[in-house]
Amino acid sequence: MYRSASALARLGLRPGEAIRFKRNDKGRYIVGKVEGVETDGSVALRDPDGSARSLRAERVEIRRPGPYGRLRWQVVSDVAITWEQLELFEPAPQPTEKPGRHVTIRRSEPTLFDE
């Protein structure tokens, strides 16, 4: 269950997606791939050497569009919060009736903006 795509989708992640982290919070970022979610809620990933790692969501970053549409790295815990909020909104209901004919309104008196 935790390694499934649905468990990752709850955090806003996809399997095999690029993710970056720092070893021991030092040095440069290392880019790895998302594997799944562990039972304690941490993100399971693979580093470039193929080693398995399990890190808290606050320590890893993922690429998401920013406010102007450019991809930027964001902390997974922030992405998970916005992802959950988006699930609160339901899709718009579909109309049960077909729309009627186009109606033209004819006025007998001029309005304020008529010339």
C-alpha atoms as a PDB file:
ATOM      1  CA  MET A   1       0.000   0.000   0.000  1.00  0.00           C
ATOM      2  CA  TYR A   2       2.719   2.490   0.902  1.00  0.00           C
ATOM      3  CA  ARG A   3       4.745   1.912  -2.265  1.00  0.00           C
ATOM      4  CA  SER A   4       1.682   2.335  -4.475  1.00  0.00           C
ATOM      5  CA  ALA A   5       1.009   5.280  -6.752  1.00  0.00           C
ATOM      6  CA  SER A   6      -2.069   6.207  -4.696  1.00  0.00           C
ATOM      7  CA  ALA A   7       0.022   6.642  -1.524  1.00  0.00           C
ATOM      8  CA  LEU A   8       2.389   8.904  -3.440  1.00  0.00           C
ATOM      9  CA  ALA A   9      -0.511  10.831  -4.967  1.00  0.00           C
ATOM     10  CA  ARG A  10      -1.705  11.749  -1.473  1.00  0.00           C
ATOM     11  CA  LEU A  11       1.579  13.639  -1.063  1.00  0.00           C
ATOM     12  CA  GLY A  12       1.446  15.044  -4.588  1.00  0.00           C
ATOM     13  CA  LEU A  13       4.272  12.802  -5.876  1.00  0.00           C
ATOM     14  CA  ARG A  14       4.644  10.352  -8.774  1.00  0.00           C
ATOM     15  CA  PRO A  15       6.798   7.198  -8.870  1.00  0.00           C
ATOM     16  CA  GLY A  16      10.165   7.747 -10.557  1.00  0.00           C
ATOM     17  CA  GLU A  17       9.914  11.537 -10.274  1.00  0.00           C
ATOM     18  CA  ALA A  18      13.119  13.506  -9.685  1.00  0.00           C
ATOM     19  CA  ILE A  19      13.663  14.565  -6.080  1.00  0.00           C
ATOM     20  CA  ARG A  20      16.634  16.252  -4.406  1.00  0.00           C
ATOM     21  CA  PHE A  21      18.116  16.147  -0.916  1.00  0.00           C
ATOM     22  CA  LYS A  22      21.323  16.890   0.984  1.00  0.00           C
ATOM     23  CA  ARG A  23      23.348  14.230   2.752  1.00  0.00           C
ATOM     24  CA  ASN A  24      23.411  15.081   6.458  1.00  0.00           C
ATOM     25  CA  ASP A  25      22.167  18.601   5.570  1.00  0.00           C
ATOM     26  CA  LYS A  26      25.642  19.463   4.250  1.00  0.00           C
ATOM     27  CA  GLY A  27      27.174  20.075   0.852  1.00  0.00           C
ATOM     28  CA  ARG A  28      25.427  20.035  -2.485  1.00  0.00           C
ATOM     29  CA  TYR A  29      22.023  18.730  -3.351  1.00  0.00           C
ATOM     30  CA  ILE A  30      21.815  15.159  -4.654  1.00  0.00           C
ATOM     31  CA  VAL A  31      19.116  14.288  -7.196  1.00  0.00           C
ATOM     32  CA  GLY A  32      17.367  10.947  -6.768  1.00  0.00           C
ATOM     33  CA  LYS A  33      14.090   9.259  -7.730  1.00  0.00           C
ATOM     34  CA  VAL A  34      10.908   8.771  -5.710  1.00  0.00           C
ATOM     35  CA  GLU A  35      10.137   5.158  -4.755  1.00  0.00           C
ATOM     36  CA  GLY A  36       7.222   5.368  -2.321  1.00  0.00           C
ATOM     37  CA  VAL A  37       6.069   6.297   1.170  1.00  0.00           C
ATOM     38  CA  GLU A  38       7.268   4.369   4.243  1.00  0.00           C
ATOM     39  CA  THR A  39       4.987   3.298   7.101  1.00  0.00           C
ATOM     40  CA  ASP A  40       6.236   6.168   9.275  1.00  0.00           C
ATOM     41  CA  GLY A  41       5.304   8.721   6.562  1.00  0.00           C
ATOM     42  CA  SER A  42       8.819   9.389   5.275  1.00  0.00           C
ATOM     43  CA  VAL A  43       9.579   9.475   1.547  1.00  0.00           C
ATOM     44  CA  ALA A  44      11.412   6.431   0.167  1.00  0.00           C
ATOM     45  CA  LEU A  45      13.836   7.293  -2.638  1.00  0.00           C
ATOM     46  CA  ARG A  46      16.874   6.060  -4.537  1.00  0.00           C
ATOM     47  CA  ASP A  47      20.041   8.116  -4.827  1.00  0.00           C
ATOM     48  CA  PRO A  48      22.161   8.147  -8.043  1.00  0.00           C
ATOM     49  CA  ASP A  49      24.243   5.195  -6.740  1.00  0.00           C
ATOM     50  CA  GLY A  50      21.084   3.075  -6.400  1.00  0.00           C
ATOM     51  CA  SER A  51      21.101   3.098  -2.597  1.00  0.00           C
ATOM     52  CA  ALA A  52      17.703   3.216  -0.907  1.00  0.00           C
ATOM     53  CA  ARG A  53      17.027   6.121   1.431  1.00  0.00           C
ATOM     54  CA  SER A  54      14.106   7.160   3.565  1.00  0.00           C
ATOM     55  CA  LEU A  55      13.899  10.845   4.476  1.00  0.00           C
ATOM     56  CA  ARG A  56      11.311  13.063   6.118  1.00  0.00           C
ATOM     57  CA  ALA A  57       9.218  15.189   3.757  1.00  0.00           C
ATOM     58  CA  GLU A  58      10.761  18.368   5.229  1.00  0.00           C
ATOM     59  CA  ARG A  59      14.247  17.334   4.027  1.00  0.00           C
ATOM     60  CA  VAL A  60      13.490  16.603   0.363  1.00  0.00           C
ATOM     61  CA  GLU A  61      12.482  18.897  -2.490  1.00  0.00           C
ATOM     62  CA  ILE A  62      10.559  18.316  -5.708  1.00  0.00           C
ATOM     63  CA  ARG A  63      10.142  20.405  -8.857  1.00  0.00           C
ATOM     64  CA  ARG A  64       6.798  22.139  -9.184  1.00  0.00           C
ATOM     65  CA  PRO A  65       5.596  25.198 -11.131  1.00  0.00           C
ATOM     66  CA  GLY A  66       5.981  28.444  -9.224  1.00  0.00           C
ATOM     67  CA  PRO A  67       3.619  31.420  -9.241  1.00  0.00           C
ATOM     68  CA  TYR A  68       4.711  32.429 -12.762  1.00  0.00           C
ATOM     69  CA  GLY A  69       4.748  28.901 -14.214  1.00  0.00           C
ATOM     70  CA  ARG A  70       8.522  28.318 -14.046  1.00  0.00           C
ATOM     71  CA  LEU A  71       9.630  25.035 -12.498  1.00  0.00           C
ATOM     72  CA  ARG A  72      11.338  25.471  -9.147  1.00  0.00           C
ATOM     73  CA  TRP A  73      12.280  23.228  -6.250  1.00  0.00           C
ATOM     74  CA  GLN A  74       9.750  23.129  -3.415  1.00  0.00           C
ATOM     75  CA  VAL A  75       9.784  21.232  -0.123  1.00  0.00           C
ATOM     76  CA  VAL A  76       7.607  18.101  -0.323  1.00  0.00           C
ATOM     77  CA  SER A  77       5.771  18.966   2.898  1.00  0.00           C
ATOM     78  CA  ASP A  78       4.590  22.249   1.292  1.00  0.00           C
ATOM     79  CA  VAL A  79       3.525  20.442  -1.885  1.00  0.00           C
ATOM     80  CA  ALA A  80       1.561  17.896   0.170  1.00  0.00           C
ATOM     81  CA  ILE A  81      -0.365  20.644   1.953  1.00  0.00           C
ATOM     82  CA  THR A  82      -1.428  22.358  -1.265  1.00  0.00           C
ATOM     83  CA  TRP A  83      -2.271  18.999  -2.841  1.00  0.00           C
ATOM     84  CA  GLU A  84      -4.627  18.126   0.017  1.00  0.00           C
ATOM     85  CA  GLN A  85      -6.317  21.498  -0.217  1.00  0.00           C
ATOM     86  CA  LEU A  86      -7.009  21.013  -3.911  1.00  0.00           C
ATOM     87  CA  GLU A  87      -8.904  17.811  -3.106  1.00  0.00           C
ATOM     88  CA  LEU A  88     -11.398  19.818  -1.048  1.00  0.00           C
ATOM     89  CA  PHE A  89     -12.860  21.375  -4.178  1.00  0.00           C
ATOM     90  CA  GLU A  90     -15.273  19.217  -6.119  1.00  0.00           C
ATOM     91  CA  PRO A  91     -15.617  19.476  -9.880  1.00  0.00           C
ATOM     92  CA  ALA A  92     -18.374  21.738 -11.142  1.00  0.00           C
ATOM     93  CA  PRO A  93     -21.704  19.963 -11.503  1.00  0.00           C
ATOM     94  CA  GLN A  94     -22.741  19.118 -15.038  1.00  0.00           C
ATOM     95  CA  PRO A  95     -26.001  20.743 -16.199  1.00  0.00           C
ATOM     96  CA  THR A  96     -28.869  18.284 -16.472  1.00  0.00           C
ATOM     97  CA  GLU A  97     -30.725  20.320 -19.086  1.00  0.00           C
ATOM     98  CA  LYS A  98     -29.426  21.465 -22.430  1.00  0.00           C
ATOM     99  CA  PRO A  99     -29.170  25.236 -22.840  1.00  0.00           C
ATOM    100  CA  GLY A 100     -32.016  26.852 -24.750  1.00  0.00           C
ATOM    101  CA  ARG A 101     -31.932  29.006 -27.834  1.00  0.00           C
ATOM    102  CA  HIS A 102     -30.060  32.298 -27.915  1.00  0.00           C
ATOM    103  CA  VAL A 103     -32.351  35.024 -26.622  1.00  0.00           C
ATOM    104  CA  THR A 104     -32.154  38.602 -27.888  1.00  0.00           C
ATOM    105  CA  ILE A 105     -33.381  41.282 -25.498  1.00  0.00           C
ATOM    106  CA  ARG A 106     -35.163  44.176 -27.161  1.00  0.00           C
ATOM    107  CA  ARG A 107     -35.767  47.325 -25.177  1.00  0.00           C
ATOM    108  CA  SER A 108     -38.590  49.729 -25.817  1.00  0.00           C
ATOM    109  CA  GLU A 109     -36.805  52.546 -23.997  1.00  0.00           C
ATOM    110  CA  PRO A 110     -33.172  53.676 -24.465  1.00  0.00           C
ATOM    111  CA  THR A 111     -30.742  52.859 -21.688  1.00  0.00           C
ATOM    112  CA  LEU A 112     -28.140  55.122 -20.144  1.00  0.00           C
ATOM    113  CA  PHE A 113     -25.330  53.923 -22.422  1.00  0.00           C
ATOM    114  CA  ASP A 114     -27.239  53.913 -25.723  1.00  0.00           C
ATOM    115  CA  GLU A 115     -26.398  56.662 -28.173  1.00  0.00           C
END
